[in-house]
């Protein structure tokens, strides 16, 4: 059997599994469950089933039990009717009492939302119970679970799409940063864990047969980790990673459930690679103290002496956090909205510091229509951390900008982003080779540090290409694409107005705040 046939067979099995699980989700929707609610319940039951299979397949003299006997899969499926529902609620409550483990992360604040005992029994016994999950390859069960997460991201009512980055973009970012077995990898806003899983898969694929046992062990015990603010999303990330072979059911949690911005990283928390798509928007209810002497007051305090610029802009604070959490010679690839590239005040100060203290070498301008959150115009910024220079010169010498936005139009349904659409960028990036060997093309241009510093407010929102569809009547976009872009633009404008209105309300609409918001 050829490799293509094997891949096709695995894909068919994955699709069949997704379809089977998804069909039952539609049944539970009638009971008021959202897709993400369903995937959460699925995660609890999957964990119990896989832990049971691992215990049953353990041929050692003393098999290791991950879940206590009176709370395990066997104890659950032995019950029926109301007794099943009551025991399921008891299991969820008790298994949440295991902090700092995958068990505790997955069951943290867990609640049973399947109140119909008959439907709970069907999901547990007929759908999950009849599948041998431990026997399925990680690609099949992992991709099936990720397929459900992707479907959940389409549920605009729950806002789940904000935690989901297109897999094609993730894979391209991983391909050019080339994670290695000795890397320590972090996503400080990991959502459902897409970057972490892709980095692990890249290392396993590219270094297969050449990793030591110690390297393999460290990849599953903390070398690849994430931080996630929302417990419900953290549980999805933890389950997603386990199903993809990252970490173990009874091992330490690789997802830290907290606000990544609330704590200054210590020396042993610094990493060699950051891959991230921080949440967009203005974080409400925070007070940020910076070393510039300014105070942006709201409710929750971020006392970060490593933040040299004071701002309540969430993305700018994530940029400062990533600058701090990287070790010397570490590298980062971060998805950022356009405003981070041109915003004045703290934005300009942070960009100047980035260009001086880091090698900011590549910017990928992304097209619209690739994110589940409407109206997002974003980029990927790639930069490396360097030792302080003694000559006072900036570490950045050239910023290479790849314009993937002009002339490119995607929608989630009719023309979704695929990995092949980013092949040219990956090729032009020259992964693993000196940046001096890069060659300019129509879409790929280099801008010197002198050119960047001369731009108003060090604006890195650089464009030179025009959209052909705007100049050529014969190349007009399909009506569906035009309509989608109009909706996205209107949504982005509404979000901006909402953020300004919220900020004005919180600050009492004083004149200084109005001035700051007007400038932004």
Protein backbone atom coordinates (compact mmCIF):
# COMPACT_ATOMS: atom_id res chain seq x y z
CA UNK A 1 0.00 0.00 0.00
CA UNK A 2 1.42 3.40 -0.97
CA UNK A 3 1.82 6.34 1.43
CA UNK A 4 -0.94 8.19 -0.41
CA UNK A 5 -3.31 5.24 0.08
CA UNK A 6 -2.43 5.04 3.79
CA UNK A 7 -3.04 8.78 4.22
CA UNK A 8 -6.32 8.55 2.31
CA UNK A 9 -7.46 5.64 4.49
CA UNK A 10 -6.56 7.52 7.69
CA UNK A 11 -8.36 10.62 6.45
CA UNK A 12 -11.46 8.59 5.60
CA UNK A 13 -11.45 7.06 9.10
CA UNK A 14 -11.02 10.51 10.65
CA UNK A 15 -13.87 11.97 8.58
CA UNK A 16 -16.11 9.05 9.53
CA UNK A 17 -15.38 9.56 13.21
CA UNK A 18 -15.99 13.31 13.02
CA UNK A 19 -19.28 12.74 11.17
CA UNK A 20 -20.42 10.19 13.77
CA UNK A 21 -19.65 12.47 16.71
CA UNK A 22 -20.94 15.58 14.96
CA UNK A 23 -24.28 13.96 14.14
CA UNK A 24 -24.92 13.40 17.81
CA UNK A 25 -24.02 17.01 18.52
CA UNK A 26 -26.99 18.06 16.39
CA UNK A 27 -29.25 15.91 18.60
CA UNK A 28 -27.97 17.59 21.77
CA UNK A 29 -28.41 21.03 20.27
CA UNK A 30 -32.15 20.49 20.68
CA UNK A 31 -31.48 20.44 24.43
CA UNK A 32 -29.77 23.83 24.25
CA UNK A 33 -26.13 22.68 24.09
CA UNK A 34 -23.75 24.73 21.96
CA UNK A 35 -21.07 22.96 19.94
CA UNK A 36 -18.43 23.90 22.49
CA UNK A 37 -20.65 22.61 25.33
CA UNK A 38 -20.87 19.33 23.46
CA UNK A 39 -17.11 19.11 22.87
CA UNK A 40 -16.55 19.79 26.59
CA UNK A 41 -18.83 16.90 27.58
CA UNK A 42 -17.14 14.77 24.97
CA UNK A 43 -13.75 15.65 26.50
CA UNK A 44 -14.76 14.41 29.95
CA UNK A 45 -16.04 11.11 28.61
CA UNK A 46 -13.14 10.64 26.20
CA UNK A 47 -10.62 11.13 28.99
CA UNK A 48 -12.34 8.51 31.16
CA UNK A 49 -12.55 6.04 28.26
CA UNK A 50 -8.91 6.47 27.19
CA UNK A 51 -7.68 6.22 30.80
CA UNK A 52 -9.67 3.00 31.16
CA UNK A 53 -8.20 1.56 27.94
CA UNK A 54 -4.68 2.41 29.08
CA UNK A 55 -5.32 0.69 32.41
CA UNK A 56 -6.82 -2.40 30.74
CA UNK A 57 -3.91 -2.63 28.27
CA UNK A 58 -1.23 -2.23 30.94
CA UNK A 59 0.38 -5.68 31.21
CA UNK A 60 2.66 -4.83 34.14
CA UNK A 61 2.31 -6.57 37.51
CA UNK A 62 0.78 -3.43 39.03
CA UNK A 63 -1.17 -1.56 36.34
CA UNK A 64 -1.27 2.18 36.95
CA UNK A 65 -4.74 3.56 37.55
CA UNK A 66 -5.10 7.21 36.44
CA UNK A 67 -8.68 7.59 37.64
CA UNK A 68 -9.84 6.23 41.05
CA UNK A 69 -11.85 3.02 40.70
CA UNK A 70 -15.12 4.46 41.99
CA UNK A 71 -14.88 7.38 39.55
CA UNK A 72 -13.64 5.59 36.44
CA UNK A 73 -15.23 4.64 33.11
CA UNK A 74 -16.40 1.23 34.31
CA UNK A 75 -18.22 2.76 37.28
CA UNK A 76 -19.97 5.18 34.93
CA UNK A 77 -21.21 2.83 32.19
CA UNK A 78 -22.41 0.29 34.79
CA UNK A 79 -25.21 2.69 35.70
CA UNK A 80 -28.36 3.68 33.83
CA UNK A 81 -31.08 6.29 33.96
CA UNK A 82 -31.13 8.88 36.71
CA UNK A 83 -28.45 6.97 38.61
CA UNK A 84 -26.09 7.41 35.63
CA UNK A 85 -26.72 11.15 35.52
CA UNK A 86 -26.17 11.55 39.28
CA UNK A 87 -22.97 9.51 39.23
CA UNK A 88 -21.67 11.46 36.21
CA UNK A 89 -22.13 14.72 38.14
CA UNK A 90 -20.33 13.18 41.14
CA UNK A 91 -17.43 12.06 38.92
CA UNK A 92 -17.01 15.55 37.45
CA UNK A 93 -16.94 17.18 40.88
CA UNK A 94 -14.43 14.74 42.38
CA UNK A 95 -12.01 14.67 39.43
CA UNK A 96 -11.69 18.45 39.52
CA UNK A 97 -9.80 18.06 42.82
CA UNK A 98 -6.45 17.24 41.19
CA UNK A 99 -4.66 20.57 40.57
CA UNK A 100 -1.57 20.89 38.37
CA UNK A 101 -2.31 17.66 36.50
CA UNK A 102 -3.98 16.99 33.16
CA UNK A 103 -6.78 15.40 35.15
CA UNK A 104 -7.37 18.61 37.08
CA UNK A 105 -7.11 20.85 34.01
CA UNK A 106 -9.63 18.83 32.01
CA UNK A 107 -12.16 18.54 34.85
CA UNK A 108 -11.70 22.01 36.39
CA UNK A 109 -15.14 23.51 37.18
CA UNK A 110 -16.73 20.73 35.11
CA UNK A 111 -20.51 20.58 34.93
CA UNK A 112 -22.87 18.07 33.39
CA UNK A 113 -24.92 19.80 30.70
CA UNK A 114 -26.50 16.62 29.31
CA UNK A 115 -29.47 16.41 31.65
CA UNK A 116 -31.34 13.72 29.69
CA UNK A 117 -30.02 10.37 31.08
CA UNK A 118 -30.98 8.52 27.87
CA UNK A 119 -28.90 10.87 25.71
CA UNK A 120 -26.00 10.73 28.16
CA UNK A 121 -26.06 6.93 28.02
CA UNK A 122 -26.17 6.93 24.23
CA UNK A 123 -23.20 9.27 24.02
CA UNK A 124 -21.16 7.31 26.56
CA UNK A 125 -22.06 3.72 25.66
CA UNK A 126 -22.95 3.78 21.97
CA UNK A 127 -20.68 6.47 20.56
CA UNK A 128 -17.60 6.67 22.79
CA UNK A 129 -17.78 3.24 24.39
CA UNK A 130 -17.77 1.31 21.11
CA UNK A 131 -14.63 3.05 19.78
CA UNK A 132 -11.17 1.77 20.71
CA UNK A 133 -9.53 5.14 21.24
CA UNK A 134 -6.16 3.99 22.54
CA UNK A 135 -5.76 1.74 19.49
CA UNK A 136 -6.48 4.57 17.03
CA UNK A 137 -3.43 6.46 15.78
CA UNK A 138 -2.86 9.94 17.20
CA UNK A 139 -3.49 11.41 13.76
CA UNK A 140 -6.95 9.85 13.60
CA UNK A 141 -8.27 10.56 17.10
CA UNK A 142 -6.41 13.87 17.35
CA UNK A 143 -7.58 15.13 13.97
CA UNK A 144 -11.12 13.98 14.70
CA UNK A 145 -11.17 15.99 17.92
CA UNK A 146 -9.62 19.00 16.18
CA UNK A 147 -12.25 18.67 13.49
CA UNK A 148 -14.93 19.06 16.16
CA UNK A 149 -13.12 22.10 17.56
CA UNK A 150 -13.09 23.64 14.09
CA UNK A 151 -16.83 23.08 13.81
CA UNK A 152 -17.25 24.65 17.23
CA UNK A 153 -15.31 27.71 16.07
CA UNK A 154 -18.00 28.28 13.45
CA UNK A 155 -20.58 28.82 16.21
CA UNK A 156 -20.60 32.62 16.15
CA UNK A 157 -23.06 32.87 19.06
CA UNK A 158 -20.55 31.45 21.56
CA UNK A 159 -17.57 33.43 20.26
CA UNK A 160 -15.54 30.21 20.18
CA UNK A 161 -13.80 31.31 16.97
CA UNK A 162 -11.59 33.71 18.92
CA UNK A 163 -9.70 30.68 20.28
CA UNK A 164 -9.09 29.12 16.88
CA UNK A 165 -6.29 29.99 14.45
CA UNK A 166 -6.49 28.55 10.90
CA UNK A 167 -4.40 25.38 10.76
CA UNK A 168 -2.88 26.41 7.42
CA UNK A 169 -1.46 29.56 9.01
CA UNK A 170 -0.22 27.67 12.06
CA UNK A 171 1.57 25.12 9.88
CA UNK A 172 3.26 27.85 7.82
CA UNK A 173 4.44 29.69 10.96
CA UNK A 174 5.81 26.44 12.37
CA UNK A 175 7.48 25.56 9.06
CA UNK A 176 9.52 28.78 8.97
CA UNK A 177 10.44 28.85 12.68
CA UNK A 178 11.54 25.19 12.55
CA UNK A 179 11.01 23.98 16.15
CA UNK A 180 13.78 21.67 17.39
CA UNK A 181 13.93 18.88 20.01
CA UNK A 182 15.92 21.07 22.41
CA UNK A 183 13.58 24.07 22.11
CA UNK A 184 11.40 25.20 24.97
CA UNK A 185 8.17 26.29 23.30
CA UNK A 186 5.42 28.51 24.70
CA UNK A 187 2.08 29.84 23.55
CA UNK A 188 1.02 32.44 26.16
CA UNK A 189 -2.55 32.58 24.81
CA UNK A 190 -2.90 29.01 23.62
CA UNK A 191 -6.65 28.69 23.01
CA UNK A 192 -7.26 25.07 22.04
CA UNK A 193 -3.54 24.33 21.64
CA UNK A 194 -3.12 24.44 17.85
CA UNK A 195 0.38 25.96 17.84
CA UNK A 196 1.67 23.56 20.50
CA UNK A 197 0.35 20.50 18.69
CA UNK A 198 1.74 21.64 15.34
CA UNK A 199 5.16 22.33 16.86
CA UNK A 200 5.23 18.86 18.45
CA UNK A 201 4.16 17.24 15.17
CA UNK A 202 6.87 19.13 13.25
CA UNK A 203 9.60 18.00 15.67
CA UNK A 204 8.35 14.39 15.64
CA UNK A 205 8.26 14.37 11.83
CA UNK A 206 11.50 16.20 11.04
CA UNK A 207 13.60 14.51 13.75
CA UNK A 208 12.09 11.04 13.67
CA UNK A 209 14.63 8.40 14.66
CA UNK A 210 17.23 11.00 15.71
CA UNK A 211 15.89 12.12 19.11
CA UNK A 212 17.30 10.79 22.35
CA UNK A 213 15.01 9.32 25.01
CA UNK A 214 15.65 12.41 27.14
CA UNK A 215 14.57 14.69 24.32
CA UNK A 216 11.40 12.69 23.74
CA UNK A 217 10.55 12.76 27.45
CA UNK A 218 11.03 16.51 27.84
CA UNK A 219 8.69 17.22 24.90
CA UNK A 220 5.89 15.52 26.85
CA UNK A 221 6.75 16.87 30.28
CA UNK A 222 6.91 20.65 29.89
CA UNK A 223 9.17 21.65 27.00
CA UNK A 224 6.01 22.45 25.03
CA UNK A 225 3.47 24.33 27.12
CA UNK A 226 0.71 26.89 26.98
CA UNK A 227 -1.07 29.46 29.11
CA UNK A 228 -4.82 29.97 28.79
CA UNK A 229 -7.03 32.36 30.75
CA UNK A 230 -10.38 30.56 30.27
CA UNK A 231 -10.69 27.22 32.14
CA UNK A 232 -13.16 25.81 29.61
CA UNK A 233 -10.80 26.52 26.72
CA UNK A 234 -7.82 25.19 28.71
CA UNK A 235 -9.60 21.86 29.12
CA UNK A 236 -10.11 21.64 25.35
CA UNK A 237 -6.41 22.40 24.83
CA UNK A 238 -5.31 19.77 27.35
CA UNK A 239 -7.56 17.11 25.79
CA UNK A 240 -6.48 18.12 22.29
CA UNK A 241 -2.83 17.70 23.23
CA UNK A 242 -3.34 14.31 24.89
CA UNK A 243 -5.19 13.01 21.83
CA UNK A 244 -2.31 14.23 19.64
CA UNK A 245 0.25 12.44 21.79
CA UNK A 246 1.54 15.49 23.69
CA UNK A 247 1.67 14.79 27.42
CA UNK A 248 0.03 11.91 29.27
CA UNK A 249 -3.28 11.36 31.03
CA UNK A 250 -1.63 11.10 34.45
CA UNK A 251 1.16 13.58 33.79
CA UNK A 252 1.62 17.22 34.80
CA UNK A 253 -0.63 19.74 33.11
CA UNK A 254 1.02 21.35 30.10
CA UNK A 255 -1.61 24.11 30.13
CA UNK A 256 -1.29 26.73 32.84
CA UNK A 257 -4.73 28.20 33.56
CA UNK A 258 -4.10 31.86 34.39
CA UNK A 259 -3.70 35.32 32.93
CA UNK A 260 -0.33 35.27 31.18
CA UNK A 261 0.01 39.04 31.55
CA UNK A 262 -0.46 39.06 35.33
CA UNK A 263 2.97 37.70 36.21
CA UNK A 264 6.48 38.69 35.22
CA UNK A 265 8.41 35.61 33.99
CA UNK A 266 11.32 34.34 36.05
CA UNK A 267 14.58 33.09 34.60
CA UNK A 268 13.57 29.43 34.43
CA UNK A 269 10.28 30.36 32.73
CA UNK A 270 11.97 31.93 29.72
CA UNK A 271 11.71 30.05 26.45
CA UNK A 272 13.48 29.71 23.12
CA UNK A 273 10.39 29.84 20.88
CA UNK A 274 7.05 31.64 21.19
CA UNK A 275 4.22 30.86 18.77
CA UNK A 276 1.05 32.81 19.49
CA UNK A 277 -2.13 34.46 18.32
CA UNK A 278 -3.03 36.66 21.33
CA UNK A 279 -6.70 37.59 21.74
CA UNK A 280 -7.73 40.72 19.87
CA UNK A 281 -9.49 43.66 21.50
CA UNK A 282 -9.11 45.88 24.54
CA UNK A 283 -9.03 43.99 27.83
CA UNK A 284 -11.54 45.39 30.25
CA UNK A 285 -10.94 46.00 33.95
CA UNK A 286 -7.17 46.24 34.25
CA UNK A 287 -4.65 48.62 35.77
CA UNK A 288 -1.27 48.59 34.06
CA UNK A 289 1.79 50.04 35.76
CA UNK A 290 4.75 50.60 33.45
CA UNK A 291 8.25 51.97 34.01
CA UNK A 292 7.37 55.09 32.02
CA UNK A 293 5.59 56.55 35.04
CA UNK A 294 2.10 56.46 33.52
CA UNK A 295 -0.93 54.64 34.86
CA UNK A 296 -3.87 53.35 32.85
CA UNK A 297 -6.51 52.71 35.50
CA UNK A 298 -9.23 50.15 35.45
CA UNK A 299 -9.91 47.33 37.97
CA UNK A 300 -7.36 44.48 37.80
CA UNK A 301 -3.68 45.36 38.37
CA UNK A 302 -0.75 44.28 36.20
CA UNK A 303 2.32 45.34 38.15
CA UNK A 304 4.92 44.55 35.49
CA UNK A 305 8.22 46.37 35.93
CA UNK A 306 9.40 44.68 32.75
CA UNK A 307 6.69 46.55 30.80
CA UNK A 308 8.39 49.79 29.83
CA UNK A 309 5.32 51.24 28.15
CA UNK A 310 1.93 51.68 29.81
CA UNK A 311 -1.14 50.69 27.84
CA UNK A 312 -4.41 48.80 28.24
CA UNK A 313 -4.13 47.56 24.64
CA UNK A 314 -4.12 43.80 25.08
CA UNK A 315 -2.01 43.00 22.02
CA UNK A 316 0.66 45.58 22.88
CA UNK A 317 0.93 44.11 26.37
CA UNK A 318 1.24 40.62 24.90
CA UNK A 319 4.06 41.90 22.68
CA UNK A 320 5.82 43.27 25.77
CA UNK A 321 5.22 39.99 27.60
CA UNK A 322 6.68 37.96 24.72
CA UNK A 323 9.69 40.28 24.57
CA UNK A 324 10.23 39.53 28.26
CA UNK A 325 9.58 35.77 28.21
CA UNK A 326 12.03 35.08 25.36
CA UNK A 327 15.54 34.07 26.33
CA UNK A 328 18.52 35.50 24.46
CA UNK A 329 18.64 34.05 20.91
CA UNK A 330 15.01 33.03 21.30
CA UNK A 331 12.61 33.62 18.43
CA UNK A 332 8.95 34.51 18.14
CA UNK A 333 6.18 34.35 15.55
CA UNK A 334 3.11 36.29 16.68
CA UNK A 335 -0.22 37.08 14.99
CA UNK A 336 -1.05 40.75 15.58
CA UNK A 337 -3.81 43.09 14.35
CA UNK A 338 -2.95 46.06 12.15
CA UNK A 339 -3.26 48.60 14.98
CA UNK A 340 -0.15 47.19 16.68
CA UNK A 341 1.83 48.24 13.60
CA UNK A 342 0.69 51.86 13.49
CA UNK A 343 -0.79 52.91 16.85
CA UNK A 344 0.91 55.94 18.41
CA UNK A 345 1.91 56.55 22.02
CA UNK A 346 2.79 53.26 23.71
CA UNK A 347 2.57 51.49 20.34
CA UNK A 348 5.32 53.63 18.86
CA UNK A 349 7.49 53.24 21.96
CA UNK A 350 7.16 49.46 21.87
CA UNK A 351 7.97 49.29 18.15
CA UNK A 352 11.08 51.45 18.66
CA UNK A 353 12.23 49.16 21.47
CA UNK A 354 11.53 46.07 19.35
CA UNK A 355 13.59 47.37 16.44
CA UNK A 356 16.47 48.35 18.73
CA UNK A 357 16.71 45.37 21.09
CA UNK A 358 15.44 42.59 18.79
CA UNK A 359 16.04 41.52 15.22
CA UNK A 360 12.61 42.22 13.73
CA UNK A 361 13.25 40.53 10.41
CA UNK A 362 9.95 39.45 8.81
CA UNK A 363 6.34 40.63 8.58
CA UNK A 364 3.61 38.63 6.86
CA UNK A 365 0.55 40.72 5.95
CA UNK A 366 -2.49 38.44 6.14
CA UNK A 367 -5.60 38.60 3.96
CA UNK A 368 -9.08 39.08 5.34
CA UNK A 369 -11.60 36.27 5.65
CA UNK A 370 -9.33 33.67 7.27
CA UNK A 371 -10.38 34.13 10.92
CA UNK A 372 -13.68 33.17 12.51
CA UNK A 373 -13.85 36.54 14.24
CA UNK A 374 -15.24 39.00 11.68
CA UNK A 375 -13.43 42.13 10.55
CA UNK A 376 -9.94 40.99 11.57
CA UNK A 377 -7.03 42.49 9.65
CA UNK A 378 -3.88 40.91 10.95
CA UNK A 379 -0.22 40.14 10.37
CA UNK A 380 2.44 37.76 11.62
CA UNK A 381 5.52 39.42 13.08
CA UNK A 382 8.73 37.38 13.36
CA UNK A 383 11.52 38.58 15.64
CA UNK A 384 14.56 37.23 17.52
CA UNK A 385 15.90 38.33 20.91
CA UNK A 386 19.50 39.49 21.13
CA UNK A 387 22.03 40.43 23.80
CA UNK A 388 22.21 44.19 24.44
CA UNK A 389 24.58 45.90 22.00
CA UNK A 390 27.45 48.00 23.32
CA UNK A 391 27.57 50.29 20.28
CA UNK A 392 24.00 51.57 20.73
CA UNK A 393 22.93 50.50 17.24
CA UNK A 394 19.62 48.71 16.62
CA UNK A 395 19.71 44.95 16.18
CA UNK A 396 17.21 45.17 13.30
CA UNK A 397 18.94 45.88 10.00
CA UNK A 398 16.18 44.98 7.52
CA UNK A 399 12.49 44.16 7.83
CA UNK A 400 11.27 41.88 5.07
CA UNK A 401 7.57 42.37 4.37
CA UNK A 402 5.55 39.75 2.49
CA UNK A 403 2.23 41.19 1.29
CA UNK A 404 -0.19 38.27 1.21
CA UNK A 405 -3.16 40.63 1.52
CA UNK A 406 -3.26 42.53 -1.78
CA UNK A 407 -5.20 40.60 -4.41
CA UNK A 408 -5.97 37.70 -2.05
CA UNK A 409 -9.53 37.16 -0.83
CA UNK A 410 -10.71 34.25 1.29
CA UNK A 411 -13.90 33.19 3.01
CA UNK A 412 -14.38 30.47 5.59
CA UNK A 413 -16.92 28.62 3.46
CA UNK A 414 -16.38 29.19 -0.26
CA UNK A 415 -12.61 29.79 -0.41
CA UNK A 416 -10.91 28.80 2.85
CA UNK A 417 -7.21 29.34 3.38
CA UNK A 418 -5.15 26.23 2.56
CA UNK A 419 -1.52 25.48 3.33
CA UNK A 420 -0.61 25.65 -0.36
CA UNK A 421 -1.65 29.32 -0.44
CA UNK A 422 1.30 30.06 1.86
CA UNK A 423 3.87 27.97 -0.03
CA UNK A 424 5.39 31.01 -1.75
CA UNK A 425 5.85 32.83 1.56
CA UNK A 426 7.53 29.80 3.15
CA UNK A 427 9.82 29.42 0.14
CA UNK A 428 10.75 33.13 0.08
CA UNK A 429 11.37 33.12 3.85
CA UNK A 430 14.26 30.63 3.35
CA UNK A 431 13.79 28.77 6.66
CA UNK A 432 17.09 27.97 8.34
CA UNK A 433 19.13 30.11 5.95
CA UNK A 434 20.67 33.57 6.49
CA UNK A 435 18.29 36.42 5.77
CA UNK A 436 20.94 37.96 3.55
CA UNK A 437 20.25 35.25 0.97
CA UNK A 438 16.65 36.36 0.52
CA UNK A 439 15.57 37.77 -2.83
CA UNK A 440 12.99 40.49 -3.39
CA UNK A 441 9.90 39.69 -5.43
CA UNK A 442 6.73 41.55 -6.28
CA UNK A 443 5.23 40.51 -2.95
CA UNK A 444 8.39 40.34 -0.84
CA UNK A 445 10.26 43.59 -0.13
CA UNK A 446 13.01 44.59 2.30
CA UNK A 447 13.03 47.88 4.21
CA UNK A 448 16.17 49.10 5.99
CA UNK A 449 16.19 50.24 9.60
CA UNK A 450 16.84 53.81 8.46
CA UNK A 451 13.72 53.70 6.27
CA UNK A 452 11.65 52.30 9.12
CA UNK A 453 12.79 54.88 11.68
CA UNK A 454 11.97 57.73 9.30
CA UNK A 455 8.36 56.65 8.95
CA UNK A 456 5.77 58.60 10.94
CA UNK A 457 5.47 56.98 14.41
CA UNK A 458 7.67 54.15 13.09
CA UNK A 459 4.61 52.84 11.26
CA UNK A 460 5.23 49.25 10.16
CA UNK A 461 1.92 48.98 8.30
CA UNK A 462 3.74 49.06 4.97
CA UNK A 463 1.94 48.65 1.64
CA UNK A 464 3.04 48.99 -1.96
CA UNK A 465 0.75 46.66 -3.92
CA UNK A 466 -2.72 47.54 -5.16
CA UNK A 467 -5.57 45.07 -5.26
CA UNK A 468 -6.08 44.23 -8.98
CA UNK A 469 -9.80 43.79 -8.39
CA UNK A 470 -10.07 47.47 -7.48
CA UNK A 471 -8.65 48.64 -10.82
CA UNK A 472 -9.93 46.02 -13.25
CA UNK A 473 -13.67 45.78 -13.76
CA UNK A 474 -13.26 42.38 -15.41
CA UNK A 475 -11.70 40.98 -12.24
CA UNK A 476 -14.42 41.94 -9.81
CA UNK A 477 -14.74 39.63 -6.85
CA UNK A 478 -17.70 37.27 -6.52
CA UNK A 479 -20.70 38.91 -4.80
CA UNK A 480 -20.41 36.56 -1.81
CA UNK A 481 -16.81 37.66 -1.20
CA UNK A 482 -17.68 41.35 -1.57
CA UNK A 483 -20.60 40.97 0.84
CA UNK A 484 -18.42 39.13 3.35
CA UNK A 485 -15.75 41.85 3.23
CA UNK A 486 -18.37 44.57 3.73
CA UNK A 487 -19.72 42.72 6.77
CA UNK A 488 -16.18 42.26 8.13
CA UNK A 489 -15.35 45.95 7.69
CA UNK A 490 -18.58 47.00 9.40
CA UNK A 491 -17.96 44.55 12.24
CA UNK A 492 -14.43 45.88 12.73
CA UNK A 493 -15.74 49.45 12.84
CA UNK A 494 -18.43 48.51 15.36
CA UNK A 495 -15.84 46.77 17.55
CA UNK A 496 -13.65 49.88 17.50
CA UNK A 497 -16.56 52.14 18.44
CA UNK A 498 -17.58 49.73 21.21
CA UNK A 499 -14.05 49.74 22.64
CA UNK A 500 -13.94 53.55 22.58
CA UNK A 501 -17.39 53.80 24.20
CA UNK A 502 -16.35 51.36 26.94
CA UNK A 503 -13.11 53.23 27.60
CA UNK A 504 -14.89 56.59 27.75
CA UNK A 505 -17.44 55.18 30.18
CA UNK A 506 -14.78 53.66 32.44
CA UNK A 507 -12.62 56.77 32.45
CA UNK A 508 -15.49 59.18 32.97
CA UNK A 509 -14.88 60.68 29.54
CA UNK A 510 -12.22 63.09 30.83
CA UNK A 511 -10.42 65.25 28.28
CA UNK A 512 -7.08 63.43 28.47
CA UNK A 513 -8.74 60.10 27.71
CA UNK A 514 -10.66 61.57 24.81
CA UNK A 515 -7.42 62.96 23.45
CA UNK A 516 -5.68 59.58 23.71
CA UNK A 517 -8.53 57.75 22.03
CA UNK A 518 -8.76 60.31 19.25
CA UNK A 519 -5.02 59.95 18.59
CA UNK A 520 -5.36 56.16 18.41
